[in-house]
N, C-alpha and C. Protein backbone atom coordinates (compact mmCIF):
# COMPACT_ATOMS: atom_id res chain seq x y z
N MET A 1 -86.24 -216.38 -75.32
CA MET A 1 -85.11 -216.49 -76.22
C MET A 1 -84.23 -215.25 -76.09
N ALA A 2 -82.93 -215.44 -76.04
CA ALA A 2 -82.00 -214.33 -75.89
C ALA A 2 -81.94 -213.50 -77.17
N ALA A 3 -81.59 -212.25 -77.00
CA ALA A 3 -81.39 -211.39 -78.17
C ALA A 3 -80.22 -211.92 -78.98
N GLU A 4 -80.28 -211.69 -80.30
CA GLU A 4 -79.27 -212.22 -81.19
C GLU A 4 -78.77 -211.15 -82.14
N LEU A 5 -77.59 -211.40 -82.66
CA LEU A 5 -77.08 -210.58 -83.74
C LEU A 5 -76.63 -211.52 -84.85
N HIS A 6 -76.70 -211.04 -86.08
CA HIS A 6 -76.28 -211.87 -87.21
C HIS A 6 -74.80 -211.61 -87.45
N VAL A 7 -74.02 -212.71 -87.60
CA VAL A 7 -72.57 -212.62 -87.76
C VAL A 7 -72.16 -213.23 -89.10
N GLU A 8 -71.28 -212.51 -89.79
CA GLU A 8 -70.64 -213.02 -91.00
C GLU A 8 -69.14 -212.95 -90.78
N LEU A 9 -68.47 -214.11 -90.80
CA LEU A 9 -67.02 -214.19 -90.68
C LEU A 9 -66.49 -214.61 -92.05
N VAL A 10 -65.79 -213.68 -92.70
CA VAL A 10 -65.41 -213.88 -94.10
C VAL A 10 -63.91 -213.69 -94.27
N ALA A 11 -63.29 -214.63 -94.99
CA ALA A 11 -61.89 -214.52 -95.37
C ALA A 11 -61.83 -214.05 -96.83
N ALA A 12 -60.66 -213.67 -97.28
CA ALA A 12 -60.52 -213.20 -98.65
C ALA A 12 -60.96 -214.25 -99.66
N ASP A 13 -60.82 -215.53 -99.31
CA ASP A 13 -61.11 -216.60 -100.26
C ASP A 13 -62.37 -217.41 -99.98
N ARG A 14 -63.08 -217.10 -98.86
CA ARG A 14 -64.27 -217.90 -98.57
C ARG A 14 -65.10 -217.29 -97.45
N ASN A 15 -66.37 -217.68 -97.42
CA ASN A 15 -67.25 -217.34 -96.30
C ASN A 15 -67.02 -218.42 -95.25
N VAL A 16 -66.44 -218.06 -94.10
CA VAL A 16 -66.00 -219.05 -93.12
C VAL A 16 -67.13 -219.48 -92.20
N TRP A 17 -67.90 -218.51 -91.68
CA TRP A 17 -68.98 -218.85 -90.76
C TRP A 17 -70.04 -217.77 -90.84
N SER A 18 -71.29 -218.19 -90.77
CA SER A 18 -72.41 -217.25 -90.80
C SER A 18 -73.49 -217.81 -89.89
N GLY A 19 -74.08 -216.94 -89.07
CA GLY A 19 -75.15 -217.41 -88.21
C GLY A 19 -75.52 -216.39 -87.16
N GLU A 20 -76.33 -216.85 -86.22
CA GLU A 20 -76.81 -216.00 -85.15
C GLU A 20 -75.96 -216.22 -83.90
N ALA A 21 -75.69 -215.14 -83.18
CA ALA A 21 -74.84 -215.21 -82.00
C ALA A 21 -75.36 -214.27 -80.92
N THR A 22 -74.91 -214.53 -79.70
CA THR A 22 -75.26 -213.66 -78.58
C THR A 22 -74.08 -212.79 -78.17
N LEU A 23 -72.85 -213.19 -78.56
CA LEU A 23 -71.65 -212.43 -78.21
C LEU A 23 -70.52 -212.79 -79.17
N VAL A 24 -69.77 -211.76 -79.57
CA VAL A 24 -68.56 -211.97 -80.37
C VAL A 24 -67.45 -211.15 -79.73
N VAL A 25 -66.30 -211.79 -79.51
CA VAL A 25 -65.14 -211.11 -78.94
C VAL A 25 -64.01 -211.16 -79.98
N ALA A 26 -63.43 -209.98 -80.24
CA ALA A 26 -62.35 -209.88 -81.23
C ALA A 26 -61.33 -208.85 -80.77
N ARG A 27 -60.15 -208.92 -81.36
CA ARG A 27 -59.08 -207.96 -81.03
C ARG A 27 -58.99 -206.93 -82.15
N THR A 28 -59.06 -205.66 -81.76
CA THR A 28 -58.89 -204.57 -82.72
C THR A 28 -57.65 -203.77 -82.36
N THR A 29 -57.31 -202.82 -83.21
CA THR A 29 -56.16 -201.96 -82.93
C THR A 29 -56.40 -201.11 -81.68
N SER A 30 -57.66 -200.98 -81.26
CA SER A 30 -58.00 -200.23 -80.04
C SER A 30 -58.08 -201.13 -78.82
N GLY A 31 -57.91 -202.44 -79.00
CA GLY A 31 -57.99 -203.39 -77.90
C GLY A 31 -59.07 -204.42 -78.16
N ASP A 32 -59.27 -205.32 -77.20
CA ASP A 32 -60.28 -206.36 -77.33
C ASP A 32 -61.66 -205.73 -77.20
N ILE A 33 -62.60 -206.21 -78.03
CA ILE A 33 -63.98 -205.73 -77.95
C ILE A 33 -64.92 -206.91 -77.86
N GLY A 34 -66.03 -206.69 -77.20
CA GLY A 34 -67.11 -207.66 -77.16
C GLY A 34 -68.34 -206.99 -77.76
N VAL A 35 -68.97 -207.67 -78.70
CA VAL A 35 -70.15 -207.12 -79.35
C VAL A 35 -71.33 -208.02 -79.03
N MET A 36 -72.37 -207.39 -78.49
CA MET A 36 -73.62 -208.09 -78.17
C MET A 36 -74.75 -207.43 -78.94
N PRO A 37 -75.91 -208.07 -79.02
CA PRO A 37 -77.04 -207.44 -79.70
C PRO A 37 -77.30 -206.04 -79.12
N GLY A 38 -77.59 -205.11 -80.02
CA GLY A 38 -77.89 -203.75 -79.60
C GLY A 38 -76.66 -202.87 -79.41
N HIS A 39 -75.47 -203.39 -79.69
CA HIS A 39 -74.23 -202.62 -79.55
C HIS A 39 -74.30 -201.36 -80.43
N GLN A 40 -73.59 -200.34 -80.03
CA GLN A 40 -73.49 -199.13 -80.85
C GLN A 40 -72.79 -199.49 -82.16
N PRO A 41 -73.15 -198.81 -83.25
CA PRO A 41 -72.46 -199.06 -84.52
C PRO A 41 -70.95 -198.86 -84.35
N LEU A 42 -70.18 -199.68 -85.05
CA LEU A 42 -68.73 -199.55 -84.97
C LEU A 42 -68.09 -199.96 -86.27
N LEU A 43 -66.90 -199.42 -86.47
CA LEU A 43 -66.04 -199.81 -87.58
C LEU A 43 -64.63 -199.82 -87.03
N GLY A 44 -63.92 -200.94 -87.18
CA GLY A 44 -62.58 -201.04 -86.62
C GLY A 44 -61.67 -201.90 -87.46
N VAL A 45 -60.40 -201.82 -87.14
CA VAL A 45 -59.37 -202.62 -87.80
C VAL A 45 -59.05 -203.80 -86.90
N LEU A 46 -59.13 -205.01 -87.45
CA LEU A 46 -58.83 -206.21 -86.69
C LEU A 46 -57.33 -206.43 -86.59
N GLU A 47 -56.89 -206.79 -85.41
CA GLU A 47 -55.52 -207.25 -85.19
C GLU A 47 -55.54 -208.77 -85.32
N SER A 48 -54.40 -209.35 -85.58
CA SER A 48 -54.32 -210.81 -85.57
C SER A 48 -54.62 -211.30 -84.16
N GLY A 49 -55.49 -212.29 -84.08
CA GLY A 49 -55.85 -212.84 -82.78
C GLY A 49 -57.04 -213.77 -82.90
N PRO A 50 -57.34 -214.47 -81.82
CA PRO A 50 -58.52 -215.34 -81.84
C PRO A 50 -59.81 -214.50 -81.83
N VAL A 51 -60.82 -214.99 -82.51
CA VAL A 51 -62.17 -214.44 -82.46
C VAL A 51 -63.04 -215.52 -81.84
N THR A 52 -63.83 -215.12 -80.85
CA THR A 52 -64.73 -216.06 -80.18
C THR A 52 -66.16 -215.66 -80.49
N ILE A 53 -66.95 -216.62 -80.98
CA ILE A 53 -68.36 -216.40 -81.29
C ILE A 53 -69.18 -217.33 -80.42
N ARG A 54 -70.04 -216.76 -79.58
CA ARG A 54 -70.98 -217.55 -78.78
C ARG A 54 -72.28 -217.61 -79.58
N THR A 55 -72.59 -218.77 -80.11
CA THR A 55 -73.75 -218.91 -80.98
C THR A 55 -75.04 -218.92 -80.17
N SER A 56 -76.13 -218.69 -80.84
CA SER A 56 -77.44 -218.65 -80.19
C SER A 56 -77.84 -219.99 -79.60
N ASP A 57 -77.28 -221.08 -80.12
CA ASP A 57 -77.62 -222.41 -79.59
C ASP A 57 -76.65 -222.88 -78.52
N GLY A 58 -75.81 -221.95 -78.01
CA GLY A 58 -74.93 -222.29 -76.90
C GLY A 58 -73.57 -222.82 -77.29
N GLU A 59 -73.30 -222.97 -78.56
CA GLU A 59 -71.99 -223.43 -79.02
C GLU A 59 -70.99 -222.27 -79.01
N THR A 60 -69.73 -222.62 -79.10
CA THR A 60 -68.68 -221.60 -79.21
C THR A 60 -67.85 -221.90 -80.45
N VAL A 61 -67.70 -220.89 -81.29
CA VAL A 61 -66.87 -221.00 -82.49
C VAL A 61 -65.64 -220.14 -82.25
N ILE A 62 -64.45 -220.74 -82.43
CA ILE A 62 -63.19 -220.02 -82.26
C ILE A 62 -62.48 -220.02 -83.61
N ALA A 63 -61.95 -218.86 -83.98
CA ALA A 63 -61.21 -218.75 -85.24
C ALA A 63 -59.95 -217.92 -85.03
N ALA A 64 -58.90 -218.29 -85.74
CA ALA A 64 -57.69 -217.47 -85.79
C ALA A 64 -57.87 -216.51 -86.95
N VAL A 65 -57.83 -215.21 -86.65
CA VAL A 65 -58.06 -214.18 -87.66
C VAL A 65 -56.77 -213.38 -87.83
N HIS A 66 -56.40 -213.15 -89.07
CA HIS A 66 -55.16 -212.44 -89.37
C HIS A 66 -55.48 -211.19 -90.18
N GLY A 67 -55.60 -210.05 -89.48
CA GLY A 67 -55.85 -208.77 -90.13
C GLY A 67 -57.25 -208.64 -90.69
N GLY A 68 -57.66 -207.42 -90.96
CA GLY A 68 -58.95 -207.19 -91.58
C GLY A 68 -59.74 -206.09 -90.90
N PHE A 69 -61.06 -206.13 -91.06
CA PHE A 69 -61.94 -205.10 -90.54
C PHE A 69 -63.15 -205.71 -89.85
N VAL A 70 -63.73 -204.97 -88.93
CA VAL A 70 -64.96 -205.36 -88.25
C VAL A 70 -65.94 -204.20 -88.36
N SER A 71 -67.18 -204.52 -88.66
CA SER A 71 -68.21 -203.48 -88.67
C SER A 71 -69.49 -204.03 -88.05
N PHE A 72 -70.21 -203.15 -87.37
CA PHE A 72 -71.47 -203.54 -86.74
C PHE A 72 -72.48 -202.42 -86.93
N ALA A 73 -73.65 -202.78 -87.43
CA ALA A 73 -74.77 -201.85 -87.56
C ALA A 73 -76.03 -202.68 -87.75
N ASP A 74 -77.14 -202.19 -87.21
CA ASP A 74 -78.44 -202.85 -87.38
C ASP A 74 -78.42 -204.32 -86.98
N ASN A 75 -77.70 -204.63 -85.88
CA ASN A 75 -77.59 -205.99 -85.35
C ASN A 75 -76.94 -206.97 -86.33
N LYS A 76 -76.09 -206.44 -87.22
CA LYS A 76 -75.34 -207.28 -88.16
C LYS A 76 -73.86 -206.99 -87.97
N LEU A 77 -73.10 -208.04 -87.64
CA LEU A 77 -71.66 -207.91 -87.42
C LEU A 77 -70.94 -208.59 -88.57
N SER A 78 -70.03 -207.85 -89.20
CA SER A 78 -69.22 -208.40 -90.28
C SER A 78 -67.76 -208.36 -89.85
N LEU A 79 -67.11 -209.51 -89.95
CA LEU A 79 -65.68 -209.62 -89.70
C LEU A 79 -65.06 -210.03 -91.03
N LEU A 80 -64.33 -209.11 -91.65
CA LEU A 80 -63.75 -209.34 -92.96
C LEU A 80 -62.25 -209.40 -92.79
N ALA A 81 -61.67 -210.57 -93.00
CA ALA A 81 -60.25 -210.76 -92.72
C ALA A 81 -59.49 -211.28 -93.92
N GLU A 82 -58.20 -211.04 -93.91
CA GLU A 82 -57.35 -211.56 -94.97
C GLU A 82 -57.31 -213.08 -94.90
N ILE A 83 -57.06 -213.60 -93.69
CA ILE A 83 -56.98 -215.05 -93.48
C ILE A 83 -57.79 -215.39 -92.24
N VAL A 84 -58.60 -216.43 -92.32
CA VAL A 84 -59.37 -216.93 -91.17
C VAL A 84 -59.25 -218.45 -91.15
N GLU A 85 -58.95 -218.98 -89.97
CA GLU A 85 -58.89 -220.43 -89.79
C GLU A 85 -59.72 -220.80 -88.57
N LEU A 86 -60.72 -221.64 -88.76
CA LEU A 86 -61.49 -222.14 -87.62
C LEU A 86 -60.57 -223.02 -86.79
N SER A 87 -60.75 -223.00 -85.48
CA SER A 87 -59.82 -223.74 -84.61
C SER A 87 -59.77 -225.23 -84.94
N ASP A 88 -60.90 -225.81 -85.37
CA ASP A 88 -60.87 -227.25 -85.68
C ASP A 88 -60.22 -227.55 -87.04
N GLU A 89 -59.87 -226.51 -87.80
CA GLU A 89 -59.14 -226.70 -89.06
C GLU A 89 -57.63 -226.62 -88.87
N ILE A 90 -57.18 -226.20 -87.69
CA ILE A 90 -55.77 -225.95 -87.45
C ILE A 90 -55.06 -227.23 -87.03
N ASP A 91 -53.97 -227.53 -87.73
CA ASP A 91 -53.11 -228.67 -87.41
C ASP A 91 -52.11 -228.18 -86.36
N VAL A 92 -52.27 -228.64 -85.12
CA VAL A 92 -51.45 -228.15 -84.01
C VAL A 92 -49.97 -228.41 -84.24
N GLN A 93 -49.60 -229.61 -84.67
CA GLN A 93 -48.18 -229.93 -84.88
C GLN A 93 -47.59 -229.03 -85.97
N ARG A 94 -48.34 -228.80 -87.02
CA ARG A 94 -47.85 -227.92 -88.09
C ARG A 94 -47.67 -226.49 -87.58
N ALA A 95 -48.61 -226.01 -86.78
CA ALA A 95 -48.50 -224.66 -86.22
C ALA A 95 -47.31 -224.55 -85.27
N GLU A 96 -47.07 -225.60 -84.50
CA GLU A 96 -45.90 -225.59 -83.59
C GLU A 96 -44.60 -225.56 -84.38
N ARG A 97 -44.54 -226.34 -85.46
CA ARG A 97 -43.33 -226.33 -86.31
C ARG A 97 -43.15 -224.95 -86.95
N ALA A 98 -44.24 -224.35 -87.40
CA ALA A 98 -44.16 -223.02 -88.02
C ALA A 98 -43.68 -221.98 -87.01
N LEU A 99 -44.13 -222.11 -85.77
CA LEU A 99 -43.69 -221.18 -84.72
C LEU A 99 -42.19 -221.32 -84.48
N GLU A 100 -41.71 -222.56 -84.37
CA GLU A 100 -40.28 -222.77 -84.14
C GLU A 100 -39.44 -222.26 -85.32
N ARG A 101 -39.91 -222.53 -86.53
CA ARG A 101 -39.20 -222.06 -87.73
C ARG A 101 -39.16 -220.53 -87.77
N ALA A 102 -40.28 -219.89 -87.46
CA ALA A 102 -40.34 -218.42 -87.47
C ALA A 102 -39.40 -217.83 -86.42
N LYS A 103 -39.34 -218.46 -85.25
CA LYS A 103 -38.43 -217.98 -84.20
C LYS A 103 -36.98 -218.11 -84.65
N SER A 104 -36.62 -219.24 -85.25
CA SER A 104 -35.23 -219.46 -85.66
C SER A 104 -34.84 -218.53 -86.81
N GLU A 105 -35.81 -218.12 -87.62
CA GLU A 105 -35.53 -217.22 -88.75
C GLU A 105 -35.78 -215.76 -88.37
N ALA A 106 -36.17 -215.51 -87.12
CA ALA A 106 -36.47 -214.14 -86.65
C ALA A 106 -37.51 -213.47 -87.56
N ASP A 107 -38.54 -214.23 -87.94
CA ASP A 107 -39.63 -213.71 -88.79
C ASP A 107 -40.81 -213.38 -87.87
N ALA A 108 -40.88 -212.13 -87.46
CA ALA A 108 -41.89 -211.71 -86.47
C ALA A 108 -43.31 -211.91 -86.98
N ALA A 109 -43.56 -211.65 -88.26
CA ALA A 109 -44.92 -211.79 -88.79
C ALA A 109 -45.35 -213.26 -88.80
N ALA A 110 -44.47 -214.14 -89.23
CA ALA A 110 -44.78 -215.57 -89.24
C ALA A 110 -44.94 -216.10 -87.82
N GLU A 111 -44.13 -215.58 -86.90
CA GLU A 111 -44.23 -215.99 -85.50
C GLU A 111 -45.59 -215.59 -84.93
N ARG A 112 -46.04 -214.39 -85.26
CA ARG A 112 -47.35 -213.91 -84.77
C ARG A 112 -48.48 -214.78 -85.33
N ARG A 113 -48.42 -215.12 -86.63
CA ARG A 113 -49.47 -215.96 -87.23
C ARG A 113 -49.53 -217.32 -86.57
N ALA A 114 -48.38 -217.94 -86.35
CA ALA A 114 -48.34 -219.26 -85.71
C ALA A 114 -48.84 -219.18 -84.28
N ASP A 115 -48.45 -218.13 -83.57
CA ASP A 115 -48.90 -217.95 -82.19
C ASP A 115 -50.42 -217.79 -82.12
N VAL A 116 -51.00 -217.04 -83.03
CA VAL A 116 -52.46 -216.85 -83.06
C VAL A 116 -53.16 -218.18 -83.32
N ARG A 117 -52.63 -218.98 -84.24
CA ARG A 117 -53.22 -220.30 -84.51
C ARG A 117 -53.23 -221.16 -83.25
N LEU A 118 -52.09 -221.17 -82.55
CA LEU A 118 -51.99 -222.00 -81.35
C LEU A 118 -52.91 -221.47 -80.23
N ARG A 119 -53.06 -220.16 -80.11
CA ARG A 119 -53.97 -219.62 -79.09
C ARG A 119 -55.43 -219.94 -79.43
N ALA A 120 -55.77 -219.94 -80.71
CA ALA A 120 -57.14 -220.29 -81.10
C ALA A 120 -57.44 -221.74 -80.76
N VAL A 121 -56.48 -222.62 -80.95
CA VAL A 121 -56.68 -224.03 -80.65
C VAL A 121 -56.75 -224.25 -79.14
N ALA A 122 -55.96 -223.50 -78.38
CA ALA A 122 -55.93 -223.66 -76.91
C ALA A 122 -57.27 -223.32 -76.28
N VAL A 123 -58.04 -222.46 -76.92
CA VAL A 123 -59.33 -222.01 -76.37
C VAL A 123 -60.42 -223.04 -76.60
N ARG A 124 -60.30 -223.82 -77.67
CA ARG A 124 -61.41 -224.72 -78.04
C ARG A 124 -61.68 -225.80 -77.07
């Protein structure tokens, strides 16, 4: 059996995903990071972007994460974000409309959120 780490993916309003994983990839202000069992302790600021979780049973969980923090210690990874959307919860047409609206209104923050949603869906 492969080594595992315990992952908690939490949004401000709910616990989104919890379980065992072999790898988690996320974007921080320092760049993309991959965390595997036994990783050095870390604390970082999450950038908006997709988070990929490779579960212990071989599944892949993709989420669009918008801001927050990541911490890892004692084989426990916590991703605490303002907003988290699992890729299968994202309405692609709605995200595309939001992206177009944000572009026409020159709303960079809304454009980034819509883009992250669409990238999370593209990976699934």
